[in-house]
Amino acid sequence: MDNSPAALAIYELMQEYPVWEKTAQDLLRELDKHNIDAWPKTPESLTHLLRRMTPAFEEFGLQVEFLPRERNRRLIRITNTEYSEGNCHDRHQEELNMDDQPY
């Protein structure tokens, strides 16, 4: 995944979400916020990248699914199988506890 800035950005994005279920265009818009030249330029090229990188994503705990077309849209579901709200809650709680400590 190190050779693909887009794949790495998708991995980093998914550390914040248990599931991302949107179109390739929506995901491309999210990636465009990072403003890196190596991004796929079209939703189709992003879909191709996701299909190609699916085995690598799975090794890092991301499951990529291409859902059936509905209402002229095709959704992509990316699931972070290692996401745990408890872990996020624990990290947030640790940050709060650090704020309570005297300086």
PDB file of N, CA and C in Angstrom:
ATOM      1  N   MET A   1       0.819  -1.197   0.000  1.00  0.00           N
ATOM      2  CA  MET A   1       0.000   0.000   0.000  1.00  0.00           C
ATOM      3  C   MET A   1       0.860   1.257   0.000  1.00  0.00           C
ATOM      4  N   ASP A   2       2.112   1.126   0.375  1.00  0.00           N
ATOM      5  CA  ASP A   2       2.992   2.286   0.429  1.00  0.00           C
ATOM      6  C   ASP A   2       3.177   2.942  -0.930  1.00  0.00           C
ATOM      7  N   ASN A   3       3.013   2.175  -2.019  1.00  0.00           N
ATOM      8  CA  ASN A   3       3.224   2.714  -3.356  1.00  0.00           C
ATOM      9  C   ASN A   3       2.028   3.489  -3.876  1.00  0.00           C
ATOM     10  N   SER A   4       0.932   3.500  -3.160  1.00  0.00           N
ATOM     11  CA  SER A   4      -0.278   4.171  -3.618  1.00  0.00           C
ATOM     12  C   SER A   4      -0.740   5.190  -2.585  1.00  0.00           C
ATOM     13  N   PRO A   5      -0.516   6.481  -2.860  1.00  0.00           N
ATOM     14  CA  PRO A   5      -0.979   7.508  -1.918  1.00  0.00           C
ATOM     15  C   PRO A   5      -2.490   7.449  -1.691  1.00  0.00           C
ATOM     16  N   ALA A   6      -3.254   7.121  -2.739  1.00  0.00           N
ATOM     17  CA  ALA A   6      -4.711   7.048  -2.587  1.00  0.00           C
ATOM     18  C   ALA A   6      -5.101   5.893  -1.674  1.00  0.00           C
ATOM     19  N   ALA A   7      -4.471   4.735  -1.855  1.00  0.00           N
ATOM     20  CA  ALA A   7      -4.776   3.585  -0.994  1.00  0.00           C
ATOM     21  C   ALA A   7      -4.420   3.888   0.453  1.00  0.00           C
ATOM     22  N   LEU A   8      -3.293   4.540   0.666  1.00  0.00           N
ATOM     23  CA  LEU A   8      -2.885   4.909   2.022  1.00  0.00           C
ATOM     24  C   LEU A   8      -3.868   5.908   2.632  1.00  0.00           C
ATOM     25  N   ALA A   9      -4.337   6.865   1.829  1.00  0.00           N
ATOM     26  CA  ALA A   9      -5.309   7.847   2.325  1.00  0.00           C
ATOM     27  C   ALA A   9      -6.633   7.178   2.674  1.00  0.00           C
ATOM     28  N   ILE A  10      -7.053   6.198   1.872  1.00  0.00           N
ATOM     29  CA  ILE A  10      -8.286   5.463   2.174  1.00  0.00           C
ATOM     30  C   ILE A  10      -8.119   4.706   3.490  1.00  0.00           C
ATOM     31  N   TYR A  11      -6.973   4.069   3.663  1.00  0.00           N
ATOM     32  CA  TYR A  11      -6.708   3.357   4.916  1.00  0.00           C
ATOM     33  C   TYR A  11      -6.778   4.322   6.100  1.00  0.00           C
ATOM     34  N   GLU A  12      -6.132   5.469   5.980  1.00  0.00           N
ATOM     35  CA  GLU A  12      -6.132   6.452   7.071  1.00  0.00           C
ATOM     36  C   GLU A  12      -7.540   6.985   7.337  1.00  0.00           C
ATOM     37  N   LEU A  13      -8.298   7.242   6.282  1.00  0.00           N
ATOM     38  CA  LEU A  13      -9.680   7.697   6.434  1.00  0.00           C
ATOM     39  C   LEU A  13     -10.497   6.671   7.209  1.00  0.00           C
ATOM     40  N   MET A  14     -10.292   5.408   6.912  1.00  0.00           N
ATOM     41  CA  MET A  14     -11.093   4.356   7.534  1.00  0.00           C
ATOM     42  C   MET A  14     -10.716   4.090   8.980  1.00  0.00           C
ATOM     43  N   GLN A  15      -9.683   4.712   9.487  1.00  0.00           N
ATOM     44  CA  GLN A  15      -9.371   4.586  10.907  1.00  0.00           C
ATOM     45  C   GLN A  15     -10.376   5.374  11.738  1.00  0.00           C
ATOM     46  N   GLU A  16     -11.116   6.263  11.083  1.00  0.00           N
ATOM     47  CA  GLU A  16     -12.113   7.092  11.764  1.00  0.00           C
ATOM     48  C   GLU A  16     -13.528   6.526  11.678  1.00  0.00           C
ATOM     49  N   TYR A  17     -13.749   5.552  10.806  1.00  0.00           N
ATOM     50  CA  TYR A  17     -15.099   5.051  10.550  1.00  0.00           C
ATOM     51  C   TYR A  17     -15.150   3.532  10.649  1.00  0.00           C
ATOM     52  N   PRO A  18     -16.244   2.993  11.180  1.00  0.00           N
ATOM     53  CA  PRO A  18     -16.409   1.547  11.125  1.00  0.00           C
ATOM     54  C   PRO A  18     -16.823   1.103   9.718  1.00  0.00           C
ATOM     55  N   VAL A  19     -17.640   1.937   9.042  1.00  0.00           N
ATOM     56  CA  VAL A  19     -18.132   1.612   7.699  1.00  0.00           C
ATOM     57  C   VAL A  19     -18.247   2.896   6.891  1.00  0.00           C
ATOM     58  N   TRP A  20     -17.850   2.822   5.638  1.00  0.00           N
ATOM     59  CA  TRP A  20     -18.022   3.930   4.695  1.00  0.00           C
ATOM     60  C   TRP A  20     -18.837   3.356   3.556  1.00  0.00           C
ATOM     61  N   GLU A  21     -20.049   3.866   3.320  1.00  0.00           N
ATOM     62  CA  GLU A  21     -20.900   3.341   2.258  1.00  0.00           C
ATOM     63  C   GLU A  21     -21.406   4.510   1.430  1.00  0.00           C
ATOM     64  N   LYS A  22     -20.713   4.772   0.341  1.00  0.00           N
ATOM     65  CA  LYS A  22     -21.060   5.885  -0.542  1.00  0.00           C
ATOM     66  C   LYS A  22     -20.616   5.533  -1.948  1.00  0.00           C
ATOM     67  N   THR A  23     -20.793   6.475  -2.864  1.00  0.00           N
ATOM     68  CA  THR A  23     -20.377   6.245  -4.242  1.00  0.00           C
ATOM     69  C   THR A  23     -18.884   6.508  -4.396  1.00  0.00           C
ATOM     70  N   ALA A  24     -18.340   6.059  -5.520  1.00  0.00           N
ATOM     71  CA  ALA A  24     -16.934   6.339  -5.824  1.00  0.00           C
ATOM     72  C   ALA A  24     -16.720   7.844  -5.939  1.00  0.00           C
ATOM     73  N   GLN A  25     -17.705   8.556  -6.475  1.00  0.00           N
ATOM     74  CA  GLN A  25     -17.601  10.016  -6.585  1.00  0.00           C
ATOM     75  C   GLN A  25     -17.495  10.655  -5.198  1.00  0.00           C
ATOM     76  N   ASP A  26     -18.282  10.183  -4.248  1.00  0.00           N
ATOM     77  CA  ASP A  26     -18.213  10.706  -2.875  1.00  0.00           C
ATOM     78  C   ASP A  26     -16.835  10.459  -2.262  1.00  0.00           C
ATOM     79  N   LEU A  27     -16.314   9.262  -2.469  1.00  0.00           N
ATOM     80  CA  LEU A  27     -14.998   8.934  -1.927  1.00  0.00           C
ATOM     81  C   LEU A  27     -13.914   9.774  -2.602  1.00  0.00           C
ATOM     82  N   LEU A  28     -14.051   9.986  -3.898  1.00  0.00           N
ATOM     83  CA  LEU A  28     -13.090  10.813  -4.623  1.00  0.00           C
ATOM     84  C   LEU A  28     -13.099  12.243  -4.090  1.00  0.00           C
ATOM     85  N   ARG A  29     -14.282  12.772  -3.803  1.00  0.00           N
ATOM     86  CA  ARG A  29     -14.375  14.122  -3.216  1.00  0.00           C
ATOM     87  C   ARG A  29     -13.654  14.182  -1.866  1.00  0.00           C
ATOM     88  N   GLU A  30     -13.830  13.150  -1.063  1.00  0.00           N
ATOM     89  CA  GLU A  30     -13.161  13.104   0.241  1.00  0.00           C
ATOM     90  C   GLU A  30     -11.645  13.060   0.065  1.00  0.00           C
ATOM     91  N   LEU A  31     -11.183  12.264  -0.873  1.00  0.00           N
ATOM     92  CA  LEU A  31      -9.746  12.171  -1.125  1.00  0.00           C
ATOM     93  C   LEU A  31      -9.188  13.469  -1.696  1.00  0.00           C
ATOM     94  N   ASP A  32      -9.984  14.166  -2.497  1.00  0.00           N
ATOM     95  CA  ASP A  32      -9.530  15.429  -3.094  1.00  0.00           C
ATOM     96  C   ASP A  32      -9.191  16.472  -2.037  1.00  0.00           C
ATOM     97  N   LYS A  33      -9.731  16.337  -0.850  1.00  0.00           N
ATOM     98  CA  LYS A  33      -9.417  17.275   0.234  1.00  0.00           C
ATOM     99  C   LYS A  33      -7.936  17.220   0.594  1.00  0.00           C
ATOM    100  N   HIS A  34      -7.286  16.088   0.282  1.00  0.00           N
ATOM    101  CA  HIS A  34      -5.868  15.928   0.598  1.00  0.00           C
ATOM    102  C   HIS A  34      -4.962  16.557  -0.456  1.00  0.00           C
ATOM    103  N   ASN A  35      -5.527  16.854  -1.637  1.00  0.00           N
ATOM    104  CA  ASN A  35      -4.834  17.598  -2.687  1.00  0.00           C
ATOM    105  C   ASN A  35      -3.460  17.013  -3.042  1.00  0.00           C
ATOM    106  N   ILE A  36      -3.448  15.751  -3.414  1.00  0.00           N
ATOM    107  CA  ILE A  36      -2.218  15.100  -3.853  1.00  0.00           C
ATOM    108  C   ILE A  36      -2.374  14.743  -5.329  1.00  0.00           C
ATOM    109  N   ASP A  37      -1.341  14.984  -6.121  1.00  0.00           N
ATOM    110  CA  ASP A  37      -1.410  14.785  -7.568  1.00  0.00           C
ATOM    111  C   ASP A  37      -1.653  13.339  -7.985  1.00  0.00           C
ATOM    112  N   ALA A  38      -1.287  12.394  -7.163  1.00  0.00           N
ATOM    113  CA  ALA A  38      -1.366  10.982  -7.543  1.00  0.00           C
ATOM    114  C   ALA A  38      -2.764  10.383  -7.400  1.00  0.00           C
ATOM    115  N   TRP A  39      -3.780  11.187  -7.080  1.00  0.00           N
ATOM    116  CA  TRP A  39      -5.138  10.654  -6.934  1.00  0.00           C
ATOM    117  C   TRP A  39      -5.668  10.173  -8.265  1.00  0.00           C
ATOM    118  N   PRO A  40      -6.544   9.194  -8.216  1.00  0.00           N
ATOM    119  CA  PRO A  40      -7.310   8.871  -9.419  1.00  0.00           C
ATOM    120  C   PRO A  40      -8.116  10.107  -9.821  1.00  0.00           C
ATOM    121  N   LYS A  41      -8.250  10.333 -11.110  1.00  0.00           N
ATOM    122  CA  LYS A  41      -8.924  11.548 -11.592  1.00  0.00           C
ATOM    123  C   LYS A  41     -10.426  11.367 -11.782  1.00  0.00           C
ATOM    124  N   THR A  42     -10.876  10.124 -11.899  1.00  0.00           N
ATOM    125  CA  THR A  42     -12.293   9.866 -12.144  1.00  0.00           C
ATOM    126  C   THR A  42     -12.802   8.811 -11.162  1.00  0.00           C
ATOM    127  N   PRO A  43     -14.121   8.769 -10.954  1.00  0.00           N
ATOM    128  CA  PRO A  43     -14.682   7.711 -10.100  1.00  0.00           C
ATOM    129  C   PRO A  43     -14.360   6.309 -10.639  1.00  0.00           C
ATOM    130  N   GLU A  44     -14.324   6.174 -11.969  1.00  0.00           N
ATOM    131  CA  GLU A  44     -14.022   4.873 -12.566  1.00  0.00           C
ATOM    132  C   GLU A  44     -12.600   4.425 -12.235  1.00  0.00           C
ATOM    133  N   SER A  45     -11.650   5.354 -12.300  1.00  0.00           N
ATOM    134  CA  SER A  45     -10.270   4.971 -11.984  1.00  0.00           C
ATOM    135  C   SER A  45     -10.110   4.682 -10.490  1.00  0.00           C
ATOM    136  N   LEU A  46     -10.883   5.365  -9.654  1.00  0.00           N
ATOM    137  CA  LEU A  46     -10.861   5.064  -8.219  1.00  0.00           C
ATOM    138  C   LEU A  46     -11.428   3.668  -7.963  1.00  0.00           C
ATOM    139  N   THR A  47     -12.515   3.329  -8.655  1.00  0.00           N
ATOM    140  CA  THR A  47     -13.101   1.996  -8.521  1.00  0.00           C
ATOM    141  C   THR A  47     -12.094   0.932  -8.946  1.00  0.00           C
ATOM    142  N   HIS A  48     -11.387   1.188 -10.042  1.00  0.00           N
ATOM    143  CA  HIS A  48     -10.357   0.246 -10.507  1.00  0.00           C
ATOM    144  C   HIS A  48      -9.270   0.078  -9.442  1.00  0.00           C
ATOM    145  N   LEU A  49      -8.832   1.180  -8.850  1.00  0.00           N
ATOM    146  CA  LEU A  49      -7.821   1.123  -7.786  1.00  0.00           C
ATOM    147  C   LEU A  49      -8.327   0.290  -6.610  1.00  0.00           C
ATOM    148  N   LEU A  50      -9.575   0.522  -6.201  1.00  0.00           N
ATOM    149  CA  LEU A  50     -10.141  -0.229  -5.074  1.00  0.00           C
ATOM    150  C   LEU A  50     -10.175  -1.724  -5.377  1.00  0.00           C
ATOM    151  N   ARG A  51     -10.581  -2.075  -6.598  1.00  0.00           N
ATOM    152  CA  ARG A  51     -10.626  -3.496  -6.973  1.00  0.00           C
ATOM    153  C   ARG A  51      -9.222  -4.106  -6.939  1.00  0.00           C
ATOM    154  N   ARG A  52      -8.254  -3.375  -7.453  1.00  0.00           N
ATOM    155  CA  ARG A  52      -6.874  -3.861  -7.503  1.00  0.00           C
ATOM    156  C   ARG A  52      -6.268  -3.982  -6.106  1.00  0.00           C
ATOM    157  N   MET A  53      -6.632  -3.052  -5.217  1.00  0.00           N
ATOM    158  CA  MET A  53      -6.029  -3.010  -3.887  1.00  0.00           C
ATOM    159  C   MET A  53      -6.803  -3.812  -2.837  1.00  0.00           C
ATOM    160  N   THR A  54      -7.928  -4.408  -3.210  1.00  0.00           N
ATOM    161  CA  THR A  54      -8.754  -5.135  -2.240  1.00  0.00           C
ATOM    162  C   THR A  54      -7.956  -6.165  -1.431  1.00  0.00           C
ATOM    163  N   PRO A  55      -7.113  -7.005  -2.054  1.00  0.00           N
ATOM    164  CA  PRO A  55      -6.345  -7.965  -1.232  1.00  0.00           C
ATOM    165  C   PRO A  55      -5.432  -7.276  -0.215  1.00  0.00           C
ATOM    166  N   ALA A  56      -4.802  -6.180  -0.607  1.00  0.00           N
ATOM    167  CA  ALA A  56      -3.929  -5.453   0.329  1.00  0.00           C
ATOM    168  C   ALA A  56      -4.746  -4.827   1.450  1.00  0.00           C
ATOM    169  N   PHE A  57      -5.902  -4.256   1.099  1.00  0.00           N
ATOM    170  CA  PHE A  57      -6.767  -3.676   2.128  1.00  0.00           C
ATOM    171  C   PHE A  57      -7.178  -4.741   3.137  1.00  0.00           C
ATOM    172  N   GLU A  58      -7.509  -5.937   2.644  1.00  0.00           N
ATOM    173  CA  GLU A  58      -7.940  -7.012   3.545  1.00  0.00           C
ATOM    174  C   GLU A  58      -6.848  -7.370   4.548  1.00  0.00           C
ATOM    175  N   GLU A  59      -5.594  -7.321   4.112  1.00  0.00           N
ATOM    176  CA  GLU A  59      -4.485  -7.606   5.029  1.00  0.00           C
ATOM    177  C   GLU A  59      -4.411  -6.582   6.154  1.00  0.00           C
ATOM    178  N   PHE A  60      -4.930  -5.380   5.895  1.00  0.00           N
ATOM    179  CA  PHE A  60      -4.904  -4.307   6.888  1.00  0.00           C
ATOM    180  C   PHE A  60      -6.263  -4.101   7.555  1.00  0.00           C
ATOM    181  N   GLY A  61      -7.170  -5.075   7.409  1.00  0.00           N
ATOM    182  CA  GLY A  61      -8.437  -5.029   8.124  1.00  0.00           C
ATOM    183  C   GLY A  61      -9.541  -4.242   7.449  1.00  0.00           C
ATOM    184  N   LEU A  62      -9.401  -3.958   6.146  1.00  0.00           N
ATOM    185  CA  LEU A  62     -10.456  -3.253   5.424  1.00  0.00           C
ATOM    186  C   LEU A  62     -11.091  -4.197   4.414  1.00  0.00           C
ATOM    187  N   GLN A  63     -12.412  -4.290   4.473  1.00  0.00           N
ATOM    188  CA  GLN A  63     -13.158  -5.126   3.538  1.00  0.00           C
ATOM    189  C   GLN A  63     -13.853  -4.201   2.546  1.00  0.00           C
ATOM    190  N   VAL A  64     -13.622  -4.413   1.250  1.00  0.00           N
ATOM    191  CA  VAL A  64     -14.204  -3.574   0.204  1.00  0.00           C
ATOM    192  C   VAL A  64     -15.262  -4.384  -0.531  1.00  0.00           C
ATOM    193  N   GLU A  65     -16.477  -3.815  -0.631  1.00  0.00           N
ATOM    194  CA  GLU A  65     -17.575  -4.474  -1.341  1.00  0.00           C
ATOM    195  C   GLU A  65     -18.169  -3.497  -2.340  1.00  0.00           C
ATOM    196  N   PHE A  66     -18.500  -4.006  -3.520  1.00  0.00           N
ATOM    197  CA  PHE A  66     -19.166  -3.211  -4.540  1.00  0.00           C
ATOM    198  C   PHE A  66     -20.616  -3.674  -4.574  1.00  0.00           C
ATOM    199  N   LEU A  67     -21.502  -2.839  -4.081  1.00  0.00           N
ATOM    200  CA  LEU A  67     -22.904  -3.208  -3.923  1.00  0.00           C
ATOM    201  C   LEU A  67     -23.633  -3.122  -5.257  1.00  0.00           C
ATOM    202  N   PRO A  68     -24.735  -3.870  -5.404  1.00  0.00           N
ATOM    203  CA  PRO A  68     -25.504  -3.810  -6.650  1.00  0.00           C
ATOM    204  C   PRO A  68     -26.023  -2.393  -6.912  1.00  0.00           C
ATOM    205  N   ARG A  69     -26.130  -2.075  -8.188  1.00  0.00           N
ATOM    206  CA  ARG A  69     -26.618  -0.757  -8.593  1.00  0.00           C
ATOM    207  C   ARG A  69     -28.064  -0.570  -8.134  1.00  0.00           C
ATOM    208  N   GLU A  70     -28.328   0.589  -7.530  1.00  0.00           N
ATOM    209  CA  GLU A  70     -29.680   0.954  -7.098  1.00  0.00           C
ATOM    210  C   GLU A  70     -29.949   2.393  -7.496  1.00  0.00           C
ATOM    211  N   ARG A  71     -31.098   2.645  -8.055  1.00  0.00           N
ATOM    212  CA  ARG A  71     -31.504   4.008  -8.427  1.00  0.00           C
ATOM    213  C   ARG A  71     -30.388   4.752  -9.163  1.00  0.00           C
ATOM    214  N   ASN A  72     -29.809   4.077 -10.132  1.00  0.00           N
ATOM    215  CA  ASN A  72     -28.780   4.674 -10.984  1.00  0.00           C
ATOM    216  C   ASN A  72     -27.500   5.030 -10.226  1.00  0.00           C
ATOM    217  N   ARG A  73     -27.294   4.422  -9.065  1.00  0.00           N
ATOM    218  CA  ARG A  73     -26.070   4.647  -8.279  1.00  0.00           C
ATOM    219  C   ARG A  73     -25.505   3.300  -7.869  1.00  0.00           C
ATOM    220  N   ARG A  74     -24.205   3.250  -7.787  1.00  0.00           N
ATOM    221  CA  ARG A  74     -23.564   2.040  -7.276  1.00  0.00           C
ATOM    222  C   ARG A  74     -22.731   2.427  -6.067  1.00  0.00           C
ATOM    223  N   LEU A  75     -23.080   1.859  -4.940  1.00  0.00           N
ATOM    224  CA  LEU A  75     -22.379   2.182  -3.704  1.00  0.00           C
ATOM    225  C   LEU A  75     -21.210   1.233  -3.476  1.00  0.00           C
ATOM    226  N   ILE A  76     -20.211   1.780  -2.823  1.00  0.00           N
ATOM    227  CA  ILE A  76     -19.059   1.003  -2.380  1.00  0.00           C
ATOM    228  C   ILE A  76     -19.115   0.995  -0.862  1.00  0.00           C
ATOM    229  N   ARG A  77     -18.993  -0.181  -0.286  1.00  0.00           N
ATOM    230  CA  ARG A  77     -18.962  -0.284   1.169  1.00  0.00           C
ATOM    231  C   ARG A  77     -17.552  -0.714   1.580  1.00  0.00           C
ATOM    232  N   ILE A  78     -16.937   0.109   2.412  1.00  0.00           N
ATOM    233  CA  ILE A  78     -15.634  -0.236   2.976  1.00  0.00           C
ATOM    234  C   ILE A  78     -15.849  -0.402   4.474  1.00  0.00           C
ATOM    235  N   THR A  79     -15.532  -1.572   4.979  1.00  0.00           N
ATOM    236  CA  THR A  79     -15.721  -1.878   6.395  1.00  0.00           C
ATOM    237  C   THR A  79     -14.363  -2.040   7.060  1.00  0.00           C
ATOM    238  N   ASN A  80     -14.183  -1.334   8.150  1.00  0.00           N
ATOM    239  CA  ASN A  80     -12.965  -1.481   8.947  1.00  0.00           C
ATOM    240  C   ASN A  80     -13.236  -2.580   9.961  1.00  0.00           C
ATOM    241  N   THR A  81     -12.752  -3.778   9.676  1.00  0.00           N
ATOM    242  CA  THR A  81     -13.040  -4.923  10.542  1.00  0.00           C
ATOM    243  C   THR A  81     -12.307  -4.843  11.871  1.00  0.00           C
ATOM    244  N   GLU A  82     -11.345  -3.938  11.970  1.00  0.00           N
ATOM    245  CA  GLU A  82     -10.595  -3.779  13.219  1.00  0.00           C
ATOM    246  C   GLU A  82     -11.045  -2.560  14.012  1.00  0.00           C
ATOM    247  N   TYR A  83     -12.075  -1.856  13.508  1.00  0.00           N
ATOM    248  CA  TYR A  83     -12.577  -0.674  14.200  1.00  0.00           C
ATOM    249  C   TYR A  83     -13.275  -1.104  15.476  1.00  0.00           C
ATOM    250  N   SER A  84     -13.011  -0.381  16.530  1.00  0.00           N
ATOM    251  CA  SER A  84     -13.662  -0.668  17.800  1.00  0.00           C
ATOM    252  C   SER A  84     -14.030   0.643  18.459  1.00  0.00           C
ATOM    253  N   GLU A  85     -15.321   0.849  18.676  1.00  0.00           N
ATOM    254  CA  GLU A  85     -15.741   2.079  19.348  1.00  0.00           C
ATOM    255  C   GLU A  85     -15.136   2.155  20.732  1.00  0.00           C
ATOM    256  N   GLY A  86     -14.952   1.009  21.363  1.00  0.00           N
ATOM    257  CA  GLY A  86     -14.334   0.990  22.681  1.00  0.00           C
ATOM    258  C   GLY A  86     -12.936   1.573  22.641  1.00  0.00           C
ATOM    259  N   ASN A  87     -12.185   1.209  21.609  1.00  0.00           N
ATOM    260  CA  ASN A  87     -10.838   1.757  21.480  1.00  0.00           C
ATOM    261  C   ASN A  87     -10.881   3.258  21.283  1.00  0.00           C
ATOM    262  N   CYS A  88     -11.808   3.732  20.438  1.00  0.00           N
ATOM    263  CA  CYS A  88     -11.939   5.175  20.227  1.00  0.00           C
ATOM    264  C   CYS A  88     -12.380   5.852  21.516  1.00  0.00           C
ATOM    265  N   HIS A  89     -13.324   5.236  22.229  1.00  0.00           N
ATOM    266  CA  HIS A  89     -13.805   5.800  23.485  1.00  0.00           C
ATOM    267  C   HIS A  89     -12.670   5.849  24.497  1.00  0.00           C
ATOM    268  N   ASP A  90     -11.883   4.774  24.576  1.00  0.00           N
ATOM    269  CA  ASP A  90     -10.765   4.736  25.523  1.00  0.00           C
ATOM    270  C   ASP A  90      -9.745   5.823  25.222  1.00  0.00           C
ATOM    271  N   ARG A  91      -9.432   6.027  23.920  1.00  0.00           N
ATOM    272  CA  ARG A  91      -8.478   7.070  23.559  1.00  0.00           C
ATOM    273  C   ARG A  91      -9.020   8.434  23.941  1.00  0.00           C
ATOM    274  N   HIS A  92     -10.318   8.655  23.681  1.00  0.00           N
ATOM    275  CA  HIS A  92     -10.940   9.931  24.020  1.00  0.00           C
ATOM    276  C   HIS A  92     -10.915  10.134  25.536  1.00  0.00           C
ATOM    277  N   GLN A  93     -11.208   9.084  26.290  1.00  0.00           N
ATOM    278  CA  GLN A  93     -11.206   9.176  27.750  1.00  0.00           C
ATOM    279  C   GLN A  93      -9.809   9.492  28.266  1.00  0.00           C
ATOM    280  N   GLU A  94      -8.782   8.878  27.678  1.00  0.00           N
ATOM    281  CA  GLU A  94      -7.407   9.170  28.084  1.00  0.00           C
ATOM    282  C   GLU A  94      -7.074  10.638  27.852  1.00  0.00           C
ATOM    283  N   GLU A  95      -7.527  11.188  26.717  1.00  0.00           N
ATOM    284  CA  GLU A  95      -7.284  12.600  26.436  1.00  0.00           C
ATOM    285  C   GLU A  95      -7.972  13.480  27.472  1.00  0.00           C
ATOM    286  N   LEU A  96      -9.201  13.119  27.846  1.00  0.00           N
ATOM    287  CA  LEU A  96      -9.922  13.896  28.856  1.00  0.00           C
ATOM    288  C   LEU A  96      -9.205  13.821  30.196  1.00  0.00           C
ATOM    289  N   ASN A  97      -8.738  12.642  30.560  1.00  0.00           N
ATOM    290  CA  ASN A  97      -8.032  12.479  31.827  1.00  0.00           C
ATOM    291  C   ASN A  97      -6.748  13.286  31.858  1.00  0.00           C
ATOM    292  N   MET A  98      -6.067  13.396  30.735  1.00  0.00           N
ATOM    293  CA  MET A  98      -4.838  14.183  30.685  1.00  0.00           C
ATOM    294  C   MET A  98      -5.135  15.660  30.923  1.00  0.00           C
ATOM    295  N   ASP A  99      -6.316  16.112  30.472  1.00  0.00           N
ATOM    296  CA  ASP A  99      -6.699  17.509  30.677  1.00  0.00           C
ATOM    297  C   ASP A  99      -6.929  17.817  32.152  1.00  0.00           C
ATOM    298  N   ASP A 100      -7.274  16.797  32.942  1.00  0.00           N
ATOM    299  CA  ASP A 100      -7.556  16.998  34.361  1.00  0.00           C
ATOM    300  C   ASP A 100      -6.298  17.061  35.217  1.00  0.00           C
ATOM    301  N   GLN A 101      -5.166  16.690  34.652  1.00  0.00           N
ATOM    302  CA  GLN A 101      -3.935  16.654  35.438  1.00  0.00           C
ATOM    303  C   GLN A 101      -3.383  18.062  35.633  1.00  0.00           C
ATOM    304  N   PRO A 102      -2.789  18.312  36.805  1.00  0.00           N
ATOM    305  CA  PRO A 102      -2.207  19.638  37.049  1.00  0.00           C
ATOM    306  C   PRO A 102      -0.978  19.860  36.175  1.00  0.00           C
ATOM    307  N   TYR A 103      -0.710  21.110  35.878  1.00  0.00           N
ATOM    308  CA  TYR A 103       0.430  21.458  35.017  1.00  0.00           C
ATOM    309  C   TYR A 103       1.674  21.612  35.813  1.00  0.00           C
TER     310      TYR A 103
END
